[in-house]
Amino acid sequence: MELFFREFGQGSPVLILHGLFGFSDNWQTIAKALSDTHLVITPDLRNHGRSPHVSTHSYPEMAEDVRLLMEQHWMFSASVVGHSMGGKVAMQLALSHPEMVNRLVVVDMEPGVAEDNHSSIFHALLDLDLSKMPTRKDIEAYLTDRIPDAGTRQFLLKNVTREDDGRFTWKMNLPVLWRHYADVLAAVSGEPYTKPALFVRGSRSDYIKDKDIPLIKTLFPNAQIITIEGAGHWVHADKPNELLAVLKDFLTQ
C-alpha cells in the first residue's frame, strides 16, 4: 500500500489525516500555514482520493498504511493530526506504535464507537448515477434535494472528477466505504498512549460529548481537551485561524 500524499515545507514532521469522504486537499490551507516551521505531509487515506482503492477499510489497516508511509520516507517519528475518521486513524497509530507519534492531535472525534451520521449521505450518493449527469450543476441539483446543507454538498462535490471520456466518477471508493461503514464507526483500542495529546472539538458539534471524556482520558491520560467556539464538525473549515493558533501552540511546546 503506497499512499498518495502532498508535502509542504521543512522542519520537524507533521502528518495530517483527513476524514471520511475527504482527501489531502482538504487540509492544504492549514498545511501551508504550518510549513514555515514543519515538514507537513497530507496523505490520501486508502479508498480516498488518489491512494489505492482496495476491498477493505479498517483502522488497524489504515494505521499500518500510515506507518508504512512514514517508514518509506525515513520518518520514524512525527506529530500526527487527524480529523474525524482520520482522527481515529491517528489514535490507532498512537496506540499501536507510540514510539512513532511524538504528539497527537485529534480534531472532533472520540475513540469509542461513533454514532451513525452518514447513512443518509451514503444513500444519496449511491443512488446518484454520475455517468448519466451531463454537468456538475446537474449533480448539485440532484444532491440539493437529498442533502440540504450547502456546505456538506460542496464538500462532497470535491470528490467528483471527470474521466478522459467525459464521464463523471467519484474520487473515493464509495461502494467499499459503504460496505465497511461499520468499520468506520468502530472504536479504536490498544495500550494507553502516554505522550502529549490534544483533542479539539467544535462547540456546534456533538462528535465529542462530555460523556466521552472518561474514555479519552483512559486511553490518552495526558490529553488536553479544547473547544473552539462557533465551529461545527469541520473545525478547520469553520474556524481555520483559531484551529491554526491551537495547533501551532501545541506542536511547538
Protein backbone atom coordinates (compact mmCIF):
# COMPACT_ATOMS: atom_id res chain seq x y z
CA MET A 1 0.00 0.00 0.00
CA GLU A 2 1.63 3.23 -1.16
CA LEU A 3 -0.48 6.22 -0.20
CA PHE A 4 -0.60 9.31 -2.38
CA PHE A 5 0.50 12.35 -0.39
CA ARG A 6 1.30 16.04 -0.63
CA GLU A 7 4.30 17.62 1.05
CA PHE A 8 4.87 21.16 2.32
CA GLY A 9 7.79 22.96 3.95
CA GLN A 10 10.59 21.59 6.08
CA GLY A 11 11.37 21.08 9.74
CA SER A 12 10.00 18.70 12.35
CA PRO A 13 7.48 16.40 10.61
CA VAL A 14 3.71 16.65 10.97
CA LEU A 15 1.21 14.31 9.32
CA ILE A 16 -2.38 15.49 8.77
CA LEU A 17 -5.03 12.80 8.15
CA HIS A 18 -8.37 13.73 6.57
CA GLY A 19 -11.84 12.41 7.42
CA LEU A 20 -14.43 10.28 5.66
CA PHE A 21 -15.20 11.47 2.08
CA GLY A 22 -12.14 13.73 2.28
CA PHE A 23 -8.68 13.78 0.76
CA SER A 24 -5.36 15.58 1.14
CA ASP A 25 -6.51 18.87 -0.41
CA ASN A 26 -8.97 19.46 2.46
CA TRP A 27 -6.12 20.45 4.78
CA GLN A 28 -3.96 22.36 2.30
CA THR A 29 -4.53 25.79 3.91
CA ILE A 30 -3.55 24.54 7.37
CA ALA A 31 -0.63 22.54 5.95
CA LYS A 32 0.80 25.56 4.14
CA ALA A 33 0.42 27.70 7.26
CA LEU A 34 2.39 25.15 9.31
CA SER A 35 5.03 24.66 6.63
CA ASP A 36 7.13 27.63 7.82
CA THR A 37 8.37 25.53 10.74
CA HIS A 38 7.36 21.95 9.86
CA LEU A 39 7.57 19.37 7.12
CA VAL A 40 3.86 18.70 6.63
CA ILE A 41 2.64 15.52 4.92
CA THR A 42 -1.04 15.22 3.92
CA PRO A 43 -1.83 11.75 2.52
CA ASP A 44 -4.97 10.44 0.90
CA LEU A 45 -6.07 7.54 3.09
CA ARG A 46 -6.95 4.23 1.43
CA ASN A 47 -10.14 4.26 -0.66
CA HIS A 48 -9.95 8.05 -0.89
CA GLY A 49 -8.53 10.41 -3.49
CA ARG A 50 -5.51 9.15 -5.43
CA SER A 51 -4.49 6.44 -2.97
CA PRO A 52 -5.23 2.78 -3.81
CA HIS A 53 -8.86 1.72 -3.83
CA VAL A 54 -8.95 -1.68 -2.14
CA SER A 55 -11.55 -4.09 -0.75
CA THR A 56 -11.04 -3.49 2.99
CA HIS A 57 -11.18 -0.45 5.25
CA SER A 58 -10.39 -0.75 8.97
CA TYR A 59 -8.49 1.35 11.49
CA PRO A 60 -5.68 -1.19 12.08
CA GLU A 61 -5.16 -1.34 8.31
CA MET A 62 -5.22 2.43 7.85
CA ALA A 63 -2.83 2.95 10.77
CA GLU A 64 -0.49 0.42 9.16
CA ASP A 65 -0.75 2.29 5.84
CA VAL A 66 0.39 5.48 7.58
CA ARG A 67 3.18 3.68 9.43
CA LEU A 68 4.49 2.31 6.14
CA LEU A 69 4.27 5.76 4.53
CA MET A 70 6.40 7.16 7.35
CA GLU A 71 9.00 4.39 7.15
CA GLN A 72 9.20 4.58 3.38
CA HIS A 73 10.26 8.21 3.78
CA TRP A 74 12.69 7.58 6.64
CA MET A 75 10.33 9.28 9.05
CA PHE A 76 10.43 7.23 12.22
CA SER A 77 8.54 9.67 14.42
CA ALA A 78 6.23 12.62 13.79
CA SER A 79 3.42 14.64 15.27
CA VAL A 80 0.14 13.36 13.88
CA VAL A 81 -3.06 15.40 13.39
CA GLY A 82 -6.27 13.64 12.38
CA HIS A 83 -9.81 14.85 11.75
CA SER A 84 -12.90 12.66 12.23
CA MET A 85 -12.13 9.27 10.63
CA GLY A 86 -8.54 10.45 10.24
CA GLY A 87 -8.58 11.23 13.95
CA LYS A 88 -9.30 7.59 14.67
CA VAL A 89 -6.51 6.53 12.31
CA ALA A 90 -4.18 8.86 14.23
CA MET A 91 -5.39 7.46 17.56
CA GLN A 92 -4.92 3.87 16.39
CA LEU A 93 -1.40 4.65 15.15
CA ALA A 94 -0.54 6.23 18.52
CA LEU A 95 -1.99 3.29 20.45
CA SER A 96 -0.28 0.67 18.26
CA HIS A 97 3.04 2.43 17.64
CA PRO A 98 3.52 5.08 20.33
CA GLU A 99 7.22 5.38 19.50
CA MET A 100 6.27 6.81 16.09
CA VAL A 101 3.92 9.53 17.37
CA ASN A 102 5.57 12.39 19.24
CA ARG A 103 2.38 14.39 19.73
CA LEU A 104 -1.19 13.53 18.85
CA VAL A 105 -3.92 15.95 17.80
CA VAL A 106 -7.46 14.66 17.25
CA VAL A 107 -9.95 17.08 15.71
CA ASP A 108 -13.58 16.41 16.60
CA MET A 109 -13.58 12.65 17.14
CA GLU A 110 -13.59 10.39 20.19
CA PRO A 111 -12.12 6.87 20.43
CA GLY A 112 -15.33 4.91 21.06
CA VAL A 113 -17.97 3.63 18.64
CA ALA A 114 -19.26 6.63 16.70
CA GLU A 115 -22.88 7.49 16.05
CA ASP A 116 -24.28 7.00 12.56
CA ASN A 117 -24.18 10.46 10.98
CA HIS A 118 -23.63 9.42 7.38
CA SER A 119 -26.10 6.73 6.28
CA SER A 120 -28.39 9.26 4.61
CA ILE A 121 -25.40 10.76 2.78
CA PHE A 122 -24.27 7.33 1.62
CA HIS A 123 -27.74 6.54 0.27
CA ALA A 124 -27.91 9.84 -1.58
CA LEU A 125 -24.51 9.28 -3.19
CA LEU A 126 -25.12 5.63 -4.04
CA ASP A 127 -28.44 6.47 -5.69
CA LEU A 128 -26.71 9.06 -7.89
CA ASP A 129 -25.62 7.69 -11.28
CA LEU A 130 -22.76 10.04 -12.12
CA SER A 131 -22.34 8.57 -15.59
CA LYS A 132 -25.74 9.99 -16.57
CA MET A 133 -25.06 13.51 -15.28
CA PRO A 134 -24.01 15.91 -18.07
CA THR A 135 -22.76 18.76 -15.82
CA ARG A 136 -21.68 19.47 -12.26
CA LYS A 137 -24.72 21.71 -11.89
CA ASP A 138 -26.93 18.68 -12.58
CA ILE A 139 -25.11 16.73 -9.88
CA GLU A 140 -25.53 19.54 -7.37
CA ALA A 141 -29.20 19.96 -8.27
CA TYR A 142 -29.77 16.26 -7.62
CA LEU A 143 -27.95 16.38 -4.28
CA THR A 144 -29.80 19.53 -3.15
CA ASP A 145 -32.98 17.51 -2.68
CA ARG A 146 -31.19 14.81 -0.69
CA ILE A 147 -28.54 16.77 1.23
CA PRO A 148 -29.97 20.15 2.29
CA ASP A 149 -26.83 21.55 3.92
CA ALA A 150 -24.91 23.53 1.28
CA GLY A 151 -21.54 23.18 3.00
CA THR A 152 -21.84 19.39 3.10
CA ARG A 153 -22.82 19.32 -0.58
CA GLN A 154 -19.84 21.42 -1.61
CA PHE A 155 -17.52 19.20 0.42
CA LEU A 156 -18.89 16.08 -1.27
CA LEU A 157 -18.76 17.63 -4.74
CA LYS A 158 -14.98 17.92 -4.38
CA ASN A 159 -14.97 14.13 -4.79
CA VAL A 160 -16.41 14.35 -8.31
CA THR A 161 -13.90 14.08 -11.14
CA ARG A 162 -14.26 13.79 -14.91
CA GLU A 163 -12.68 10.89 -16.80
CA ASP A 164 -10.96 11.22 -20.19
CA ASP A 165 -14.13 10.04 -21.92
CA GLY A 166 -16.09 12.89 -20.31
CA ARG A 167 -17.99 10.82 -17.73
CA PHE A 168 -18.07 11.88 -14.09
CA THR A 169 -16.83 9.45 -11.43
CA TRP A 170 -16.05 9.52 -7.70
CA LYS A 171 -12.52 10.02 -6.42
CA MET A 172 -13.42 7.78 -3.47
CA ASN A 173 -14.22 4.07 -3.39
CA LEU A 174 -17.85 4.65 -2.45
CA PRO A 175 -19.11 1.01 -2.54
CA VAL A 176 -16.32 -0.24 -0.27
CA LEU A 177 -16.73 2.67 2.16
CA TRP A 178 -20.43 1.86 2.45
CA ARG A 179 -19.77 -1.88 2.81
CA HIS A 180 -17.29 -1.15 5.61
CA TYR A 181 -19.20 1.70 7.22
CA ALA A 182 -19.42 -0.30 10.45
CA ASP A 183 -15.60 -0.34 10.46
CA VAL A 184 -15.59 3.44 10.03
CA LEU A 185 -17.83 3.76 13.09
CA ALA A 186 -15.79 1.25 15.11
CA ALA A 187 -13.79 2.05 18.23
CA VAL A 188 -10.01 2.08 18.41
CA SER A 189 -8.10 0.15 21.04
CA GLY A 190 -4.68 -0.54 22.48
CA GLU A 191 -2.46 0.21 25.45
CA PRO A 192 -2.74 3.80 26.70
CA TYR A 193 -0.74 6.43 24.82
CA THR A 194 1.02 8.48 27.49
CA LYS A 195 2.64 11.21 25.40
CA PRO A 196 1.05 14.64 24.91
CA ALA A 197 -2.34 14.53 23.20
CA LEU A 198 -4.82 17.24 22.27
CA PHE A 199 -8.50 16.74 21.44
CA VAL A 200 -10.14 19.71 19.71
CA ARG A 201 -13.91 19.87 19.43
CA GLY A 202 -16.26 22.36 17.84
CA SER A 203 -18.85 23.98 20.10
CA ARG A 204 -21.56 23.33 17.48
CA SER A 205 -20.59 19.68 17.05
CA ASP A 206 -21.60 16.68 19.16
CA TYR A 207 -18.86 14.29 17.99
CA ILE A 208 -17.04 14.66 21.34
CA LYS A 209 -19.53 14.76 24.20
CA ASP A 210 -18.73 15.27 27.86
CA LYS A 211 -19.60 11.62 28.47
CA ASP A 212 -16.77 10.62 26.09
CA ILE A 213 -14.08 12.32 28.16
CA PRO A 214 -13.51 9.42 30.62
CA LEU A 215 -12.69 7.06 27.73
CA ILE A 216 -10.41 9.67 26.17
CA LYS A 217 -8.58 10.06 29.49
CA THR A 218 -8.30 6.28 29.90
CA LEU A 219 -6.63 5.75 26.54
CA PHE A 220 -4.84 9.12 26.44
CA PRO A 221 -4.11 10.05 30.07
CA ASN A 222 -2.15 13.19 29.14
CA ALA A 223 -4.84 14.53 26.82
CA GLN A 224 -5.99 18.14 26.84
CA ILE A 225 -9.47 18.89 25.53
CA ILE A 226 -10.14 22.25 23.90
CA THR A 227 -13.42 23.58 22.49
CA ILE A 228 -13.36 26.10 19.63
CA GLU A 229 -16.40 28.33 19.82
CA GLY A 230 -18.56 28.69 16.73
CA ALA A 231 -17.07 25.66 14.96
CA GLY A 232 -19.00 22.63 13.77
CA HIS A 233 -17.56 19.24 12.88
CA TRP A 234 -15.35 20.68 10.12
CA VAL A 235 -13.37 22.82 12.54
CA HIS A 236 -10.62 23.52 10.00
CA ALA A 237 -13.15 24.95 7.55
CA ASP A 238 -15.30 26.83 10.09
CA LYS A 239 -12.56 28.38 12.24
CA PRO A 240 -9.21 27.89 10.46
CA ASN A 241 -7.38 30.72 12.21
CA GLU A 242 -8.45 29.62 15.66
CA LEU A 243 -7.53 25.99 14.95
CA LEU A 244 -4.19 27.03 13.47
CA ALA A 245 -3.32 29.00 16.60
CA VAL A 246 -4.12 25.98 18.78
CA LEU A 247 -2.07 23.66 16.55
CA LYS A 248 0.96 25.95 16.47
CA ASP A 249 0.92 26.31 20.25
CA PHE A 250 0.60 22.59 20.91
CA LEU A 251 3.07 21.40 18.25
CA THR A 252 5.82 23.78 19.39
CA GLN A 253 5.50 23.26 23.15
